[in-house]
Amino acid sequence: MATFEIETTEGMRWVKVGLDDDDMRAERGALNHFKGAISMDVPLPSLRGWWVSLFSDESVMRPRYRGTGTVYLDSTLGGFHVLQVAPGERWILDTKCFWASDGEVKLAIHRERVWTAYWADQGLLWYKTALHGDGQAVLSVAGPVEEVDLVNDQMIVDGPFVVARTAGIRLSVRRPARSLFASWLSGQKLAFCYRGTGKLLLCTTPYWRARMKAEPSAAATA
């Protein structure tokens, strides 16, 4: 099984992947360099995968690295989170969140409901990457990640701060207040509602360097 380490220096973070006669998948364009007896190929997606790529920001072309050696992926001012995928679990990742996974983790496609996609301003077809199997995956995130357990409960989030959830939790978009008038007064018009039983990965606070890069006006006034 591939091993994943998050290394850091000068505020930059990257993923180091160790392979010992193993294989792993990575996001398209994520490679920085590799050394050792490693070969790279790109498994062709299914017809459904090709179809999804026409309507999604998610890449269906994800290179596979096989052999023995070390793979280094690109660095970022943001961060990464190593997710343990257990047998019987199915994780649904937020858009552009997948970064890498070992060969024991299978990649799939998940589509949100049409009205959820519409109210989330994602058009009518909102496709995401789903993971299942037994192994590890690396998520590309803006900052530290907190795991939240829900047991027949709900969480209301004012923005796309949930980077992953298990399949037992359903996503919808609705007003956080009971009435339209209260929503208008509060300034919180719509929010993401996660309801059910399972796990959420929550990332609410970005690393400050990534925040400054995303907000150049804030950096100019600092």
Protein backbone atom coordinates (compact mmCIF):
# COMPACT_ATOMS: atom_id res chain seq x y z
CA MET A 1 0.00 0.00 0.00
CA ALA A 2 1.31 3.46 -0.89
CA THR A 3 2.38 5.78 1.93
CA PHE A 4 1.56 9.49 1.98
CA GLU A 5 3.51 12.14 3.88
CA ILE A 6 2.78 15.87 3.96
CA GLU A 7 5.99 17.86 3.96
CA THR A 8 6.35 21.59 4.48
CA THR A 9 8.90 24.39 4.28
CA GLU A 10 8.67 28.18 3.93
CA GLY A 11 4.88 27.99 4.29
CA MET A 12 4.54 25.65 1.30
CA ARG A 13 3.15 22.11 1.60
CA TRP A 14 3.38 19.13 -0.72
CA VAL A 15 2.72 15.38 -0.68
CA LYS A 16 5.48 12.77 -0.78
CA VAL A 17 4.28 9.33 -1.88
CA GLY A 18 6.28 6.18 -1.20
CA LEU A 19 5.74 3.19 -3.49
CA ASP A 20 7.07 -0.32 -2.84
CA ASP A 21 5.84 -2.40 -5.75
CA ASP A 22 2.56 -0.48 -5.42
CA ASP A 23 0.46 1.89 -7.45
CA MET A 24 -1.33 5.18 -6.81
CA ARG A 25 -3.50 7.70 -8.63
CA ALA A 26 -3.09 11.47 -8.64
CA GLU A 27 -4.98 14.46 -9.93
CA ARG A 28 -4.25 15.48 -13.50
CA GLY A 29 -1.29 17.87 -13.61
CA ALA A 30 -0.38 17.29 -9.94
CA LEU A 31 3.06 15.70 -10.54
CA ASN A 32 6.19 17.60 -9.58
CA HIS A 33 8.80 14.83 -9.99
CA PHE A 34 9.46 11.18 -9.17
CA LYS A 35 12.51 8.95 -8.75
CA GLY A 36 12.97 5.19 -8.85
CA ALA A 37 11.62 2.38 -10.99
CA ILE A 38 8.22 3.99 -11.56
CA SER A 39 6.09 4.00 -14.68
CA MET A 40 3.17 6.32 -15.39
CA ASP A 41 0.08 5.66 -17.46
CA VAL A 42 -3.41 7.13 -17.71
CA PRO A 43 -6.33 4.66 -17.47
CA LEU A 44 -9.05 5.63 -19.92
CA PRO A 45 -12.38 6.52 -18.29
CA SER A 46 -15.62 4.73 -18.96
CA LEU A 47 -18.19 6.09 -21.40
CA ARG A 48 -20.06 7.51 -18.42
CA GLY A 49 -16.85 9.19 -17.30
CA TRP A 50 -16.41 10.81 -20.70
CA TRP A 51 -20.01 12.01 -20.58
CA VAL A 52 -19.59 13.45 -17.08
CA SER A 53 -16.45 15.34 -18.15
CA LEU A 54 -18.55 17.39 -20.56
CA PHE A 55 -20.60 18.86 -17.70
CA SER A 56 -18.17 18.86 -14.78
CA ASP A 57 -15.08 20.64 -13.50
CA GLU A 58 -13.84 17.29 -12.19
CA SER A 59 -11.09 15.66 -14.25
CA VAL A 60 -11.64 12.06 -15.38
CA MET A 61 -8.02 11.74 -16.55
CA ARG A 62 -6.06 10.82 -13.43
CA PRO A 63 -2.56 9.42 -13.99
CA ARG A 64 -1.51 6.15 -12.35
CA TYR A 65 2.01 5.59 -11.02
CA ARG A 66 3.33 2.04 -10.57
CA GLY A 67 6.55 0.56 -9.25
CA THR A 68 9.04 1.23 -6.48
CA GLY A 69 10.28 4.70 -5.61
CA THR A 70 9.08 8.11 -4.51
CA VAL A 71 6.60 10.48 -6.14
CA TYR A 72 6.49 14.17 -5.22
CA LEU A 73 3.35 16.15 -6.02
CA ASP A 74 3.09 19.90 -6.54
CA SER A 75 3.31 22.29 -3.59
CA THR A 76 0.71 24.80 -2.49
CA LEU A 77 0.13 27.59 0.02
CA GLY A 78 -2.97 25.67 1.08
CA GLY A 79 -2.88 22.25 2.65
CA PHE A 80 -3.64 18.56 2.37
CA HIS A 81 -5.54 16.05 4.46
CA VAL A 82 -4.87 12.30 4.49
CA LEU A 83 -8.18 10.43 4.61
CA GLN A 84 -8.46 6.81 5.70
CA VAL A 85 -11.11 5.04 3.61
CA ALA A 86 -12.46 2.00 5.46
CA PRO A 87 -14.16 -1.03 3.87
CA GLY A 88 -17.88 -0.40 3.45
CA GLU A 89 -17.50 3.37 3.48
CA ARG A 90 -18.24 5.61 0.53
CA TRP A 91 -16.87 9.14 0.69
CA ILE A 92 -18.18 11.98 -1.48
CA LEU A 93 -15.60 14.71 -2.08
CA ASP A 94 -16.23 18.35 -2.82
CA THR A 95 -15.38 19.66 -6.29
CA LYS A 96 -11.62 19.92 -6.99
CA CYS A 97 -10.83 18.23 -3.66
CA PHE A 98 -9.27 14.95 -4.84
CA TRP A 99 -5.46 15.02 -4.96
CA ALA A 100 -4.18 11.43 -4.74
CA SER A 101 -5.05 7.92 -3.55
CA ASP A 102 -3.44 4.52 -3.31
CA GLY A 103 -4.39 1.70 -5.61
CA GLU A 104 -6.73 0.05 -3.09
CA VAL A 105 -9.06 3.05 -3.20
CA LYS A 106 -11.49 3.03 -6.12
CA LEU A 107 -12.67 6.23 -7.78
CA ALA A 108 -16.32 6.68 -8.71
CA ILE A 109 -18.73 9.43 -9.73
CA HIS A 110 -21.47 10.96 -7.60
CA ARG A 111 -24.18 13.32 -8.85
CA GLU A 112 -26.01 15.68 -6.52
CA ARG A 113 -29.74 16.16 -6.93
CA VAL A 114 -30.80 18.62 -9.62
CA TRP A 115 -32.38 21.16 -7.26
CA THR A 116 -29.39 21.02 -4.94
CA ALA A 117 -27.10 21.74 -7.88
CA TYR A 118 -29.33 24.57 -9.06
CA TRP A 119 -29.56 26.38 -5.71
CA ALA A 120 -25.82 25.88 -5.12
CA ASP A 121 -25.20 27.75 -8.38
CA GLN A 122 -23.68 24.66 -10.03
CA GLY A 123 -26.06 24.44 -12.96
CA LEU A 124 -28.33 21.41 -13.14
CA LEU A 125 -25.64 18.70 -13.23
CA TRP A 126 -23.22 18.70 -10.29
CA TYR A 127 -20.80 15.79 -10.41
CA LYS A 128 -18.28 14.94 -7.69
CA THR A 129 -15.60 12.34 -7.08
CA ALA A 130 -16.55 9.47 -4.76
CA LEU A 131 -14.15 7.05 -3.04
CA HIS A 132 -14.59 3.51 -1.74
CA GLY A 133 -12.34 0.60 -0.90
CA ASP A 134 -9.68 0.12 1.77
CA GLY A 135 -6.77 2.54 1.84
CA GLN A 136 -5.77 6.18 1.98
CA ALA A 137 -6.56 9.22 -0.11
CA VAL A 138 -5.20 12.75 -0.01
CA LEU A 139 -7.54 15.73 -0.22
CA SER A 140 -6.54 19.20 -1.37
CA VAL A 141 -7.88 21.63 1.24
CA ALA A 142 -7.48 25.28 2.19
CA GLY A 143 -6.57 24.71 5.85
CA PRO A 144 -6.85 22.37 8.84
CA VAL A 145 -9.62 19.77 8.71
CA GLU A 146 -11.98 18.77 11.53
CA GLU A 147 -13.97 15.53 11.48
CA VAL A 148 -17.59 15.83 12.62
CA ASP A 149 -19.89 12.89 13.39
CA LEU A 150 -23.62 13.16 12.79
CA VAL A 151 -26.11 10.66 14.20
CA ASN A 152 -29.53 11.34 12.73
CA ASP A 153 -28.71 15.03 13.00
CA GLN A 154 -28.01 18.02 10.76
CA MET A 155 -25.34 20.67 10.25
CA ILE A 156 -25.95 24.03 8.56
CA VAL A 157 -22.89 25.54 6.87
CA ASP A 158 -22.70 29.02 5.33
CA GLY A 159 -20.54 28.08 2.37
CA PRO A 160 -18.66 25.19 0.80
CA PHE A 161 -16.68 24.38 3.94
CA VAL A 162 -17.44 20.64 3.98
CA VAL A 163 -14.72 19.05 1.85
CA ALA A 164 -16.01 15.47 2.16
CA ARG A 165 -18.86 13.46 3.62
CA THR A 166 -19.91 9.83 3.85
CA ALA A 167 -22.80 8.58 1.76
CA GLY A 168 -25.22 8.43 4.70
CA ILE A 169 -25.39 12.23 4.79
CA ARG A 170 -27.61 14.07 2.33
CA LEU A 171 -26.85 17.55 1.03
CA SER A 172 -29.46 20.20 0.32
CA VAL A 173 -29.49 23.99 0.01
CA ARG A 174 -32.07 25.97 1.98
CA ARG A 175 -32.66 29.08 4.07
CA PRO A 176 -30.99 28.82 7.51
CA ALA A 177 -33.92 30.72 9.09
CA ARG A 178 -37.51 29.54 9.13
CA SER A 179 -38.94 32.56 7.36
CA LEU A 180 -37.85 34.51 4.30
CA PHE A 181 -38.06 37.75 6.31
CA ALA A 182 -35.73 36.42 9.02
CA SER A 183 -33.26 35.24 6.38
CA TRP A 184 -33.28 38.71 4.83
CA LEU A 185 -32.74 40.43 8.18
CA SER A 186 -29.89 38.09 9.14
CA GLY A 187 -28.08 38.47 5.82
CA GLN A 188 -27.94 34.68 5.51
CA LYS A 189 -30.02 33.92 2.46
CA LEU A 190 -29.03 30.34 1.62
CA ALA A 191 -26.86 27.74 3.34
CA PHE A 192 -25.75 24.16 2.84
CA CYS A 193 -27.66 21.65 4.96
CA TYR A 194 -26.11 18.26 5.73
CA ARG A 195 -28.54 15.80 7.26
CA GLY A 196 -28.32 12.13 8.23
CA THR A 197 -25.87 9.77 9.88
CA GLY A 198 -22.19 9.64 9.04
CA LYS A 199 -19.02 11.73 8.97
CA LEU A 200 -18.20 15.19 7.66
CA LEU A 201 -14.79 16.73 7.04
CA LEU A 202 -15.04 20.44 7.81
CA CYS A 203 -12.48 23.07 6.73
CA THR A 204 -13.57 26.53 7.87
CA THR A 205 -10.27 28.36 8.38
CA PRO A 206 -7.68 28.62 5.58
CA TYR A 207 -3.97 28.91 6.18
CA TRP A 208 -3.17 32.61 6.34
CA ARG A 209 -0.76 32.63 3.38
CA ALA A 210 -3.40 31.01 1.18
CA ARG A 211 -5.96 33.54 2.44
CA MET A 212 -3.66 36.46 1.62
CA LYS A 213 -3.04 35.09 -1.86
CA ALA A 214 -6.77 34.66 -2.45
CA GLU A 215 -7.44 38.21 -1.25
CA PRO A 216 -4.79 40.48 -2.81
CA SER A 217 -6.65 43.58 -1.65
CA ALA A 218 -6.27 42.44 1.95
CA ALA A 219 -2.56 41.84 1.42
CA ALA A 220 -2.13 45.34 -0.03
CA THR A 221 -3.70 47.00 3.00
CA ALA A 222 -1.91 44.82 5.60
